[in-house]
Amino acid sequence: MLELNNITTGYGKLRVLEDVSIKVDTAEIVSVVGANGAGKTTIMRAISGIIPLWRGSKVLHGKDLTKLSPASVTREGIIQIPEGRLIIKELSVEDNLLLGAFCHYFKLSKSELKRDLNNIYDLFPQLKSRVNQKAGTLSGGEQQMLAIGRGLMGRPKLLMLDEPSLGLAPLVVNTMFEVIEKLHEEGLPILLVEQNVKAAMEISNRGYILETGSVVMEGESAVLLTDEKVVKAYLGA
């Protein structure tokens, strides 16, 4: 489905990723984990087209996306939920959700938009009772729900989640990962970037370990969780 082939990129003259290859198959959760500064968010930005590739390519369903703009990548069906959520706090919950549908807005009927909104409210009942509330007044967990809901309004073919557990209470984190699992069960491919290695690997099919801009390990998540090096470096054992 999605293939990153030997990509190298960075910011200005600073090289952040070096020869990174990652693959996400249909109906699969793939986790990219690593310490702060490893380059995890840069992978997301490179896929989204926010930063250009210096070398390598990115392909979705056989189509080369390497030179596409961020808007074009979004129209191809790759939707990113950014670290920090980046909701528009001055707008209502529902207006934030409708912004997520911008790439399809003029193609969908009012009934189709309403159906998509109702699907989000079914997934996140807390948002349904706050449709007219300003997004900035929501709790951190509710804002993360809103960010995910906004992304789903774009009808993604691939959903990318950047640190969805960041700054959230453990109970809320559990809820977020339950939602991710549910989306996966419904057939949505997911690329998950996460510092919480154990939680990410427990819900993913495969994983990649990133260190200083390079993939140092990859494989089935269940195998990586029992690897001695992974346990020692990331699981505190």
C-alpha atoms as a PDB file:
ATOM      1  CA  MET A   1       0.000   0.000   0.000  1.00  0.00           C
ATOM      2  CA  LEU A   2       2.354   2.744   1.258  1.00  0.00           C
ATOM      3  CA  GLU A   3       6.047   2.336   0.588  1.00  0.00           C
ATOM      4  CA  LEU A   4       8.867   4.628   1.622  1.00  0.00           C
ATOM      5  CA  ASN A   5      11.885   3.630  -0.395  1.00  0.00           C
ATOM      6  CA  ASN A   6      15.304   4.636   0.945  1.00  0.00           C
ATOM      7  CA  ILE A   7      14.279   8.179   1.812  1.00  0.00           C
ATOM      8  CA  THR A   8      16.730  10.795   3.024  1.00  0.00           C
ATOM      9  CA  THR A   9      15.597  14.243   4.128  1.00  0.00           C
ATOM     10  CA  GLY A  10      15.950  16.955   6.748  1.00  0.00           C
ATOM     11  CA  TYR A  11      15.698  20.674   7.404  1.00  0.00           C
ATOM     12  CA  GLY A  12      17.985  23.165   5.697  1.00  0.00           C
ATOM     13  CA  LYS A  13      21.408  21.545   5.782  1.00  0.00           C
ATOM     14  CA  LEU A  14      20.512  19.309   8.728  1.00  0.00           C
ATOM     15  CA  ARG A  15      20.038  15.699   7.675  1.00  0.00           C
ATOM     16  CA  VAL A  16      17.457  14.017   9.927  1.00  0.00           C
ATOM     17  CA  LEU A  17      16.558  10.805   8.071  1.00  0.00           C
ATOM     18  CA  GLU A  18      19.068   8.620   6.258  1.00  0.00           C
ATOM     19  CA  ASP A  19      18.071   5.852   3.832  1.00  0.00           C
ATOM     20  CA  VAL A  20      14.804   4.990   5.613  1.00  0.00           C
ATOM     21  CA  SER A  21      12.471   2.359   4.135  1.00  0.00           C
ATOM     22  CA  ILE A  22       9.049   1.657   5.648  1.00  0.00           C
ATOM     23  CA  LYS A  23       6.041  -0.257   4.353  1.00  0.00           C
ATOM     24  CA  VAL A  24       2.406  -0.230   5.470  1.00  0.00           C
ATOM     25  CA  ASP A  25       0.139  -2.900   4.010  1.00  0.00           C
ATOM     26  CA  THR A  26      -3.640  -2.747   3.695  1.00  0.00           C
ATOM     27  CA  ALA A  27      -5.565  -3.140   6.987  1.00  0.00           C
ATOM     28  CA  GLU A  28      -2.357  -3.060   9.037  1.00  0.00           C
ATOM     29  CA  ILE A  29      -1.158  -1.012  12.007  1.00  0.00           C
ATOM     30  CA  VAL A  30       2.533  -0.225  11.725  1.00  0.00           C
ATOM     31  CA  SER A  31       4.374   1.499  14.574  1.00  0.00           C
ATOM     32  CA  VAL A  32       7.474   3.657  14.317  1.00  0.00           C
ATOM     33  CA  VAL A  33       9.038   4.076  17.730  1.00  0.00           C
ATOM     34  CA  GLY A  34      12.152   5.651  19.139  1.00  0.00           C
ATOM     35  CA  ALA A  35      13.503   8.270  21.496  1.00  0.00           C
ATOM     36  CA  ASN A  36      13.003  12.023  21.185  1.00  0.00           C
ATOM     37  CA  GLY A  37      14.964  13.361  18.237  1.00  0.00           C
ATOM     38  CA  ALA A  38      15.112  10.028  16.421  1.00  0.00           C
ATOM     39  CA  GLY A  39      13.262  11.455  13.414  1.00  0.00           C
ATOM     40  CA  LYS A  40       9.792   9.972  13.917  1.00  0.00           C
ATOM     41  CA  THR A  41       7.837  13.162  13.244  1.00  0.00           C
ATOM     42  CA  THR A  42      10.072  13.926  10.269  1.00  0.00           C
ATOM     43  CA  ILE A  43       8.902  10.663   8.685  1.00  0.00           C
ATOM     44  CA  MET A  44       5.318  11.870   8.983  1.00  0.00           C
ATOM     45  CA  ARG A  45       6.184  15.260   7.493  1.00  0.00           C
ATOM     46  CA  ALA A  46       8.041  13.621   4.626  1.00  0.00           C
ATOM     47  CA  ILE A  47       5.083  11.371   3.821  1.00  0.00           C
ATOM     48  CA  SER A  48       2.650  14.307   3.993  1.00  0.00           C
ATOM     49  CA  GLY A  49       4.817  16.401   1.672  1.00  0.00           C
ATOM     50  CA  ILE A  50       5.449  19.085   4.285  1.00  0.00           C
ATOM     51  CA  ILE A  51       9.166  18.640   3.693  1.00  0.00           C
ATOM     52  CA  PRO A  52      10.633  17.431   0.370  1.00  0.00           C
ATOM     53  CA  LEU A  53      12.625  14.246  -0.021  1.00  0.00           C
ATOM     54  CA  TRP A  54      16.306  14.697  -0.770  1.00  0.00           C
ATOM     55  CA  ARG A  55      16.550  11.141  -2.039  1.00  0.00           C
ATOM     56  CA  GLY A  56      14.247   8.152  -2.330  1.00  0.00           C
ATOM     57  CA  SER A  57      10.556   7.849  -3.120  1.00  0.00           C
ATOM     58  CA  LYS A  58       7.114   7.410  -1.571  1.00  0.00           C
ATOM     59  CA  VAL A  59       4.440   5.342  -3.273  1.00  0.00           C
ATOM     60  CA  LEU A  60       0.769   4.758  -2.419  1.00  0.00           C
ATOM     61  CA  HIS A  61      -1.077   1.926  -4.171  1.00  0.00           C
ATOM     62  CA  GLY A  62       1.560   1.990  -6.895  1.00  0.00           C
ATOM     63  CA  LYS A  63       1.302   5.747  -7.498  1.00  0.00           C
ATOM     64  CA  ASP A  64       4.422   7.855  -6.993  1.00  0.00           C
ATOM     65  CA  LEU A  65       3.682  10.681  -4.543  1.00  0.00           C
ATOM     66  CA  THR A  66       7.270  11.891  -4.197  1.00  0.00           C
ATOM     67  CA  LYS A  67       6.793  15.326  -5.747  1.00  0.00           C
ATOM     68  CA  LEU A  68       3.201  16.004  -4.692  1.00  0.00           C
ATOM     69  CA  SER A  69       2.234  18.979  -2.525  1.00  0.00           C
ATOM     70  CA  PRO A  70       0.757  18.415   0.958  1.00  0.00           C
ATOM     71  CA  ALA A  71      -2.729  19.217  -0.380  1.00  0.00           C
ATOM     72  CA  SER A  72      -2.321  16.690  -3.187  1.00  0.00           C
ATOM     73  CA  VAL A  73      -1.069  14.019  -0.786  1.00  0.00           C
ATOM     74  CA  THR A  74      -4.155  14.629   1.345  1.00  0.00           C
ATOM     75  CA  ARG A  75      -6.403  14.291  -1.696  1.00  0.00           C
ATOM     76  CA  GLU A  76      -4.749  10.945  -2.405  1.00  0.00           C
ATOM     77  CA  GLY A  77      -6.049   9.796   0.979  1.00  0.00           C
ATOM     78  CA  ILE A  78      -3.111  10.155   3.383  1.00  0.00           C
ATOM     79  CA  ILE A  79      -4.323  11.995   6.477  1.00  0.00           C
ATOM     80  CA  GLN A  80      -2.002  13.010   9.330  1.00  0.00           C
ATOM     81  CA  ILE A  81      -3.087  13.676  12.916  1.00  0.00           C
ATOM     82  CA  PRO A  82      -0.202  15.896  14.044  1.00  0.00           C
ATOM     83  CA  GLU A  83       1.587  15.915  17.351  1.00  0.00           C
ATOM     84  CA  GLY A  84      -0.006  18.534  19.587  1.00  0.00           C
ATOM     85  CA  ARG A  85      -3.398  18.087  17.866  1.00  0.00           C
ATOM     86  CA  LEU A  86      -3.411  21.586  16.255  1.00  0.00           C
ATOM     87  CA  ILE A  87      -7.143  22.065  16.504  1.00  0.00           C
ATOM     88  CA  ILE A  88      -8.525  25.579  15.969  1.00  0.00           C
ATOM     89  CA  LYS A  89      -9.482  26.538  19.488  1.00  0.00           C
ATOM     90  CA  GLU A  90     -11.695  29.487  18.547  1.00  0.00           C
ATOM     91  CA  LEU A  91     -13.965  27.333  16.377  1.00  0.00           C
ATOM     92  CA  SER A  92     -16.674  24.993  17.585  1.00  0.00           C
ATOM     93  CA  VAL A  93     -16.228  21.246  17.776  1.00  0.00           C
ATOM     94  CA  GLU A  94     -18.383  20.709  14.702  1.00  0.00           C
ATOM     95  CA  ASP A  95     -16.657  23.416  12.668  1.00  0.00           C
ATOM     96  CA  ASN A  96     -13.300  21.784  13.428  1.00  0.00           C
ATOM     97  CA  LEU A  97     -14.670  18.469  12.215  1.00  0.00           C
ATOM     98  CA  LEU A  98     -16.039  20.005   9.026  1.00  0.00           C
ATOM     99  CA  LEU A  99     -12.601  21.470   8.273  1.00  0.00           C
ATOM    100  CA  GLY A 100     -11.348  17.904   8.064  1.00  0.00           C
ATOM    101  CA  ALA A 101     -13.664  17.286   5.127  1.00  0.00           C
ATOM    102  CA  PHE A 102     -12.267  20.166   3.060  1.00  0.00           C
ATOM    103  CA  CYS A 103     -10.739  17.900   0.406  1.00  0.00           C
ATOM    104  CA  HIS A 104     -14.153  16.327  -0.257  1.00  0.00           C
ATOM    105  CA  TYR A 105     -16.397  19.195   0.815  1.00  0.00           C
ATOM    106  CA  PHE A 106     -17.699  20.177  -2.627  1.00  0.00           C
ATOM    107  CA  LYS A 107     -18.067  16.551  -3.722  1.00  0.00           C
ATOM    108  CA  LEU A 108     -20.276  15.445  -0.834  1.00  0.00           C
ATOM    109  CA  SER A 109     -23.960  16.092  -0.323  1.00  0.00           C
ATOM    110  CA  LYS A 110     -25.242  17.520   2.945  1.00  0.00           C
ATOM    111  CA  SER A 111     -26.597  14.096   3.860  1.00  0.00           C
ATOM    112  CA  GLU A 112     -23.190  12.496   3.270  1.00  0.00           C
ATOM    113  CA  LEU A 113     -21.463  15.109   5.436  1.00  0.00           C
ATOM    114  CA  LYS A 114     -24.077  14.577   8.134  1.00  0.00           C
ATOM    115  CA  ARG A 115     -23.537  10.838   8.010  1.00  0.00           C
ATOM    116  CA  ASP A 116     -19.782  11.293   8.370  1.00  0.00           C
ATOM    117  CA  LEU A 117     -20.325  13.613  11.349  1.00  0.00           C
ATOM    118  CA  ASN A 118     -22.636  11.091  12.990  1.00  0.00           C
ATOM    119  CA  ASN A 119     -20.007   8.384  12.528  1.00  0.00           C
ATOM    120  CA  ILE A 120     -17.542  10.567  14.439  1.00  0.00           C
ATOM    121  CA  TYR A 121     -20.072  11.210  17.199  1.00  0.00           C
ATOM    122  CA  ASP A 122     -20.715   7.466  17.460  1.00  0.00           C
ATOM    123  CA  LEU A 123     -16.978   6.888  17.817  1.00  0.00           C
ATOM    124  CA  PHE A 124     -16.553   9.752  20.308  1.00  0.00           C
ATOM    125  CA  PRO A 125     -19.843  10.285  22.213  1.00  0.00           C
ATOM    126  CA  GLN A 126     -18.174  12.985  24.337  1.00  0.00           C
ATOM    127  CA  LEU A 127     -17.986  15.225  21.273  1.00  0.00           C
ATOM    128  CA  LYS A 128     -21.655  14.811  20.424  1.00  0.00           C
ATOM    129  CA  SER A 129     -22.722  16.715  23.536  1.00  0.00           C
ATOM    130  CA  ARG A 130     -20.251  19.511  22.759  1.00  0.00           C
ATOM    131  CA  VAL A 131     -20.890  20.219  19.076  1.00  0.00           C
ATOM    132  CA  ASN A 132     -21.295  23.978  19.587  1.00  0.00           C
ATOM    133  CA  GLN A 133     -18.642  24.301  22.293  1.00  0.00           C
ATOM    134  CA  LYS A 134     -15.387  26.050  21.425  1.00  0.00           C
ATOM    135  CA  ALA A 135     -12.645  23.502  20.884  1.00  0.00           C
ATOM    136  CA  GLY A 136     -10.273  25.374  23.182  1.00  0.00           C
ATOM    137  CA  THR A 137     -12.502  24.640  26.175  1.00  0.00           C
ATOM    138  CA  LEU A 138     -12.203  20.863  25.763  1.00  0.00           C
ATOM    139  CA  SER A 139      -9.955  18.707  27.928  1.00  0.00           C
ATOM    140  CA  GLY A 140      -6.717  17.363  26.468  1.00  0.00           C
ATOM    141  CA  GLY A 141      -8.278  13.974  25.841  1.00  0.00           C
ATOM    142  CA  GLU A 142     -11.313  15.497  24.158  1.00  0.00           C
ATOM    143  CA  GLN A 143      -9.067  17.636  21.967  1.00  0.00           C
ATOM    144  CA  GLN A 144      -7.234  14.507  20.859  1.00  0.00           C
ATOM    145  CA  MET A 145     -10.577  12.878  20.054  1.00  0.00           C
ATOM    146  CA  LEU A 146     -11.454  15.970  18.025  1.00  0.00           C
ATOM    147  CA  ALA A 147      -8.156  15.840  16.146  1.00  0.00           C
ATOM    148  CA  ILE A 148      -8.695  12.183  15.251  1.00  0.00           C
ATOM    149  CA  GLY A 149     -12.297  12.871  14.293  1.00  0.00           C
ATOM    150  CA  ARG A 150     -11.217  15.750  12.074  1.00  0.00           C
ATOM    151  CA  GLY A 151      -8.788  13.435  10.316  1.00  0.00           C
ATOM    152  CA  LEU A 152     -11.436  10.776   9.795  1.00  0.00           C
ATOM    153  CA  MET A 153     -13.706  13.373   8.187  1.00  0.00           C
ATOM    154  CA  GLY A 154     -11.165  13.394   5.346  1.00  0.00           C
ATOM    155  CA  ARG A 155     -12.094   9.771   4.566  1.00  0.00           C
ATOM    156  CA  PRO A 156      -8.494   8.536   4.766  1.00  0.00           C
ATOM    157  CA  LYS A 157      -7.052   5.598   2.893  1.00  0.00           C
ATOM    158  CA  LEU A 158      -4.171   5.739   5.381  1.00  0.00           C
ATOM    159  CA  LEU A 159      -4.343   7.421   8.795  1.00  0.00           C
ATOM    160  CA  MET A 160      -1.092   8.643  10.353  1.00  0.00           C
ATOM    161  CA  LEU A 161      -1.057   9.364  14.081  1.00  0.00           C
ATOM    162  CA  ASP A 162       1.842  11.319  15.574  1.00  0.00           C
ATOM    163  CA  GLU A 163       2.223  10.776  19.340  1.00  0.00           C
ATOM    164  CA  PRO A 164      -1.506  10.370  20.138  1.00  0.00           C
ATOM    165  CA  SER A 165      -0.747   9.607  23.805  1.00  0.00           C
ATOM    166  CA  LEU A 166       1.378  12.718  24.397  1.00  0.00           C
ATOM    167  CA  GLY A 167       0.354  14.634  27.517  1.00  0.00           C
ATOM    168  CA  LEU A 168      -2.683  12.487  28.266  1.00  0.00           C
ATOM    169  CA  ALA A 169      -3.650  10.702  31.484  1.00  0.00           C
ATOM    170  CA  PRO A 170      -3.174   6.897  31.442  1.00  0.00           C
ATOM    171  CA  LEU A 171      -6.919   6.223  31.385  1.00  0.00           C
ATOM    172  CA  VAL A 172      -7.372   8.514  28.381  1.00  0.00           C
ATOM    173  CA  VAL A 173      -4.391   6.894  26.653  1.00  0.00           C
ATOM    174  CA  ASN A 174      -6.105   3.523  27.002  1.00  0.00           C
ATOM    175  CA  THR A 175      -9.221   4.978  25.382  1.00  0.00           C
ATOM    176  CA  MET A 176      -7.189   6.386  22.485  1.00  0.00           C
ATOM    177  CA  PHE A 177      -5.537   3.051  21.790  1.00  0.00           C
ATOM    178  CA  GLU A 178      -8.897   1.278  21.966  1.00  0.00           C
ATOM    179  CA  VAL A 179     -10.158   3.668  19.285  1.00  0.00           C
ATOM    180  CA  ILE A 180      -7.087   2.993  17.136  1.00  0.00           C
ATOM    181  CA  GLU A 181      -7.704  -0.748  17.446  1.00  0.00           C
ATOM    182  CA  LYS A 182     -11.356  -0.280  16.485  1.00  0.00           C
ATOM    183  CA  LEU A 183     -10.418   1.692  13.378  1.00  0.00           C
ATOM    184  CA  HIS A 184      -7.977  -1.051  12.453  1.00  0.00           C
ATOM    185  CA  GLU A 185     -10.660  -3.698  12.905  1.00  0.00           C
ATOM    186  CA  GLU A 186     -12.844  -1.715  10.502  1.00  0.00           C
ATOM    187  CA  GLY A 187     -10.108  -2.025   7.880  1.00  0.00           C
ATOM    188  CA  LEU A 188      -8.323   1.328   8.089  1.00  0.00           C
ATOM    189  CA  PRO A 189      -4.527   1.117   7.622  1.00  0.00           C
ATOM    190  CA  ILE A 190      -2.684   3.094  10.308  1.00  0.00           C
ATOM    191  CA  LEU A 191       0.864   4.379  10.684  1.00  0.00           C
ATOM    192  CA  LEU A 192       1.512   5.134  14.345  1.00  0.00           C
ATOM    193  CA  VAL A 193       4.422   7.198  15.652  1.00  0.00           C
ATOM    194  CA  GLU A 194       4.740   6.834  19.401  1.00  0.00           C
ATOM    195  CA  GLN A 195       7.189   7.145  22.313  1.00  0.00           C
ATOM    196  CA  ASN A 196       5.147   4.669  24.353  1.00  0.00           C
ATOM    197  CA  VAL A 197       6.831   1.637  22.823  1.00  0.00           C
ATOM    198  CA  LYS A 198       4.950  -1.029  24.761  1.00  0.00           C
ATOM    199  CA  ALA A 199       1.496   0.402  24.063  1.00  0.00           C
ATOM    200  CA  ALA A 200       2.268   0.968  20.382  1.00  0.00           C
ATOM    201  CA  MET A 201       3.719  -2.487  19.792  1.00  0.00           C
ATOM    202  CA  GLU A 202       0.881  -4.214  21.614  1.00  0.00           C
ATOM    203  CA  ILE A 203      -1.700  -2.945  19.112  1.00  0.00           C
ATOM    204  CA  SER A 204       0.397  -2.988  15.934  1.00  0.00           C
ATOM    205  CA  ASN A 205       1.131  -5.748  13.461  1.00  0.00           C
ATOM    206  CA  ARG A 206       4.665  -4.674  12.669  1.00  0.00           C
ATOM    207  CA  GLY A 207       7.117  -2.147  13.994  1.00  0.00           C
ATOM    208  CA  TYR A 208      10.211  -0.147  13.141  1.00  0.00           C
ATOM    209  CA  ILE A 209      12.791   1.053  15.669  1.00  0.00           C
ATOM    210  CA  LEU A 210      14.278   4.403  14.709  1.00  0.00           C
ATOM    211  CA  GLU A 211      17.536   5.740  16.126  1.00  0.00           C
ATOM    212  CA  THR A 212      19.215   8.983  15.006  1.00  0.00           C
ATOM    213  CA  GLY A 213      17.387   8.987  11.698  1.00  0.00           C
ATOM    214  CA  SER A 214      17.913   5.376  10.688  1.00  0.00           C
ATOM    215  CA  VAL A 215      15.875   2.190  11.027  1.00  0.00           C
ATOM    216  CA  VAL A 216      17.913  -0.110  13.276  1.00  0.00           C
ATOM    217  CA  MET A 217      15.325  -2.868  13.726  1.00  0.00           C
ATOM    218  CA  GLU A 218      12.076  -3.949  12.100  1.00  0.00           C
ATOM    219  CA  GLY A 219       9.752  -6.910  12.299  1.00  0.00           C
ATOM    220  CA  GLU A 220       6.575  -8.277  13.789  1.00  0.00           C
ATOM    221  CA  SER A 221       5.626  -6.294  16.873  1.00  0.00           C
ATOM    222  CA  ALA A 222       5.225  -9.363  19.071  1.00  0.00           C
ATOM    223  CA  VAL A 223       8.788 -10.383  18.237  1.00  0.00           C
ATOM    224  CA  LEU A 224      10.211  -6.903  18.808  1.00  0.00           C
ATOM    225  CA  LEU A 225       8.546  -6.720  22.232  1.00  0.00           C
ATOM    226  CA  THR A 226      10.534  -9.734  23.388  1.00  0.00           C
ATOM    227  CA  ASP A 227      13.826  -8.733  21.780  1.00  0.00           C
ATOM    228  CA  GLU A 228      16.507  -8.269  24.425  1.00  0.00           C
ATOM    229  CA  LYS A 229      17.832  -5.026  22.933  1.00  0.00           C
ATOM    230  CA  VAL A 230      14.352  -3.501  22.645  1.00  0.00           C
ATOM    231  CA  VAL A 231      13.427  -4.531  26.176  1.00  0.00           C
ATOM    232  CA  LYS A 232      16.618  -3.044  27.588  1.00  0.00           C
ATOM    233  CA  ALA A 233      16.498   0.207  25.603  1.00  0.00           C
ATOM    234  CA  TYR A 234      12.782   1.003  25.627  1.00  0.00           C
ATOM    235  CA  LEU A 235      10.914  -1.068  28.183  1.00  0.00           C
ATOM    236  CA  GLY A 236      13.019  -0.332  31.243  1.00  0.00           C
ATOM    237  CA  ALA A 237      14.085  -3.898  31.912  1.00  0.00           C
END
